[in-house]
């Protein structure tokens, strides 16, 4: 991924990021430096928190934690939990299907960004967009979360 621009964020931009992530995921991002990174050929922008790729913007949406950021800050809300059988698929970028889901935050609404975590160690595997409300995610068939970012993709592997 080729970096187009990179600059430190102003305090009001940092406050906006912190508030948005707190509203969506119930976590407080704590860091000394926040840098905005724009790429040449990517459909997202990245925010490095203390040099780590912790937050990203998808399609000019609100800021949201990356997979690495979600594993560092442990979201309290907006979480979809999958069973062991779904781990390899989700980690490879597959959309999340109902049979693999063991639990979903009932406050999730269709269109929301969500984090997808595995049930045993609660590690985040992916970030996606909910295709249904959280209380309709557990079931027998159908795709319910569209994968946007996952373990091992370009964004996950990005190093400052």
Protein backbone atom coordinates (compact mmCIF):
# COMPACT_ATOMS: atom_id res chain seq x y z
CA UNK A 1 0.00 0.00 0.00
CA UNK A 2 1.41 3.28 -1.09
CA UNK A 3 1.01 6.18 1.34
CA UNK A 4 -0.38 9.34 -0.28
CA UNK A 5 -0.12 11.60 2.77
CA UNK A 6 0.51 11.42 6.50
CA UNK A 7 0.08 14.08 9.17
CA UNK A 8 -0.60 14.53 12.89
CA UNK A 9 -4.20 15.23 13.85
CA UNK A 10 -5.42 18.29 15.74
CA UNK A 11 -6.94 17.89 19.18
CA UNK A 12 -10.51 18.47 17.93
CA UNK A 13 -10.10 15.67 15.35
CA UNK A 14 -8.75 13.37 18.05
CA UNK A 15 -11.75 14.16 20.26
CA UNK A 16 -14.12 13.32 17.38
CA UNK A 17 -12.39 9.97 16.87
CA UNK A 18 -12.43 9.13 20.57
CA UNK A 19 -16.13 10.01 20.90
CA UNK A 20 -17.17 8.05 17.80
CA UNK A 21 -15.31 4.91 18.86
CA UNK A 22 -16.67 5.22 22.40
CA UNK A 23 -20.23 5.53 21.03
CA UNK A 24 -19.90 2.54 18.68
CA UNK A 25 -17.80 0.16 20.74
CA UNK A 26 -17.81 1.38 24.34
CA UNK A 27 -14.04 1.88 24.55
CA UNK A 28 -11.76 4.82 25.24
CA UNK A 29 -8.80 5.16 22.91
CA UNK A 30 -5.84 6.34 24.90
CA UNK A 31 -2.76 7.55 23.07
CA UNK A 32 -0.20 10.32 22.92
CA UNK A 33 0.05 10.70 19.13
CA UNK A 34 -2.62 10.37 16.45
CA UNK A 35 -1.51 10.40 12.80
CA UNK A 36 -3.83 10.37 9.78
CA UNK A 37 -2.62 8.23 6.84
CA UNK A 38 -4.17 8.42 3.37
CA UNK A 39 -3.36 5.79 0.74
CA UNK A 40 -3.14 6.02 -3.03
CA UNK A 41 -5.17 2.91 -3.93
CA UNK A 42 -7.31 2.11 -0.89
CA UNK A 43 -10.95 2.81 -0.07
CA UNK A 44 -10.13 3.71 3.53
CA UNK A 45 -7.95 6.05 5.56
CA UNK A 46 -6.04 5.02 8.64
CA UNK A 47 -5.29 6.61 12.01
CA UNK A 48 -2.13 5.52 13.78
CA UNK A 49 -2.37 5.77 17.56
CA UNK A 50 1.12 5.84 19.05
CA UNK A 51 2.34 4.39 15.76
CA UNK A 52 -0.11 1.46 15.69
CA UNK A 53 -2.89 1.15 13.05
CA UNK A 54 -5.79 1.42 15.51
CA UNK A 55 -8.57 3.30 13.70
CA UNK A 56 -9.79 3.49 10.12
CA UNK A 57 -12.45 5.23 8.06
CA UNK A 58 -14.44 3.13 5.58
CA UNK A 59 -16.14 4.95 2.68
CA UNK A 60 -15.92 8.27 4.55
CA UNK A 61 -17.90 6.69 7.39
CA UNK A 62 -17.24 7.45 11.02
CA UNK A 63 -13.96 6.27 12.53
CA UNK A 64 -13.92 2.64 13.69
CA UNK A 65 -11.33 0.34 15.24
CA UNK A 66 -9.19 -1.84 12.99
CA UNK A 67 -8.78 -5.52 13.87
CA UNK A 68 -5.51 -4.71 15.62
CA UNK A 69 -7.11 -1.73 17.36
CA UNK A 70 -10.04 -3.86 18.51
CA UNK A 71 -7.67 -6.45 19.95
CA UNK A 72 -5.79 -3.69 21.79
CA UNK A 73 -8.87 -1.88 23.16
CA UNK A 74 -11.41 -4.75 23.57
CA UNK A 75 -14.82 -3.45 22.43
CA UNK A 76 -17.74 -3.71 24.86
CA UNK A 77 -20.53 -3.18 22.29
CA UNK A 78 -20.99 -3.80 18.56
CA UNK A 79 -19.52 -7.30 18.84
CA UNK A 80 -20.57 -10.41 16.90
CA UNK A 81 -19.13 -13.63 18.34
CA UNK A 82 -18.48 -16.67 16.14
CA UNK A 83 -17.75 -20.30 16.98
CA UNK A 84 -14.51 -22.20 16.29
CA UNK A 85 -15.84 -23.55 12.99
CA UNK A 86 -16.12 -20.04 11.55
CA UNK A 87 -12.62 -18.85 12.52
CA UNK A 88 -10.74 -19.95 9.39
CA UNK A 89 -13.40 -18.57 7.05
CA UNK A 90 -13.72 -15.19 8.80
CA UNK A 91 -9.93 -14.89 9.09
CA UNK A 92 -9.66 -15.38 5.33
CA UNK A 93 -12.12 -12.55 4.64
CA UNK A 94 -15.36 -14.49 4.18
CA UNK A 95 -18.64 -12.84 5.07
CA UNK A 96 -20.15 -14.09 8.32
CA UNK A 97 -23.02 -16.58 8.08
CA UNK A 98 -25.74 -17.16 10.70
CA UNK A 99 -24.79 -20.77 11.58
CA UNK A 100 -21.35 -19.63 12.79
CA UNK A 101 -22.67 -16.97 15.15
CA UNK A 102 -23.09 -17.81 18.83
CA UNK A 103 -23.92 -14.30 20.06
CA UNK A 104 -24.47 -10.77 18.76
CA UNK A 105 -24.98 -7.46 20.51
CA UNK A 106 -28.76 -6.83 20.31
CA UNK A 107 -28.11 -3.10 19.89
CA UNK A 108 -26.49 -3.65 16.44
CA UNK A 109 -28.60 -2.23 13.61
CA UNK A 110 -28.50 -3.13 9.93
CA UNK A 111 -25.76 -1.08 8.27
CA UNK A 112 -23.67 -0.64 11.45
CA UNK A 113 -19.98 -1.43 11.46
CA UNK A 114 -19.26 -4.35 13.82
CA UNK A 115 -16.31 -6.35 15.11
CA UNK A 116 -16.30 -10.12 14.72
CA UNK A 117 -14.62 -12.04 17.56
CA UNK A 118 -14.08 -15.74 18.21
CA UNK A 119 -15.72 -17.17 21.33
CA UNK A 120 -12.87 -19.06 23.00
CA UNK A 121 -10.26 -16.30 23.43
CA UNK A 122 -12.45 -13.33 22.41
CA UNK A 123 -9.87 -12.24 19.81
CA UNK A 124 -11.19 -10.01 17.03
CA UNK A 125 -10.88 -11.60 13.59
CA UNK A 126 -12.61 -9.07 11.37
CA UNK A 127 -14.53 -5.83 10.99
CA UNK A 128 -17.66 -5.85 8.87
CA UNK A 129 -20.98 -4.23 8.12
CA UNK A 130 -24.14 -5.72 9.64
CA UNK A 131 -26.64 -6.88 7.04
CA UNK A 132 -29.36 -7.42 9.67
CA UNK A 133 -30.08 -6.24 13.21
CA UNK A 134 -28.13 -7.89 16.03
CA UNK A 135 -31.13 -9.71 17.46
CA UNK A 136 -31.67 -11.39 14.06
CA UNK A 137 -28.08 -12.64 13.56
CA UNK A 138 -28.22 -16.01 15.30
CA UNK A 139 -29.95 -18.65 13.21
CA UNK A 140 -29.72 -21.46 10.68
CA UNK A 141 -28.90 -19.84 7.34
CA UNK A 142 -27.98 -16.65 5.57
CA UNK A 143 -25.24 -14.08 5.38
CA UNK A 144 -25.43 -11.48 8.17
CA UNK A 145 -22.11 -9.56 8.23
CA UNK A 146 -20.26 -8.35 5.15
CA UNK A 147 -16.50 -8.52 5.75
CA UNK A 148 -14.58 -5.27 5.24
CA UNK A 149 -11.26 -5.89 7.01
CA UNK A 150 -9.79 -9.08 8.47
CA UNK A 151 -6.72 -10.64 10.06
CA UNK A 152 -3.88 -10.85 7.54
CA UNK A 153 -5.19 -8.36 4.95
CA UNK A 154 -3.21 -5.32 3.73
CA UNK A 155 -4.58 -3.05 6.43
CA UNK A 156 -3.83 -5.60 9.15
CA UNK A 157 -0.25 -6.01 7.89
CA UNK A 158 0.40 -2.26 7.52
CA UNK A 159 3.43 -1.15 9.48
CA UNK A 160 4.19 2.48 10.20
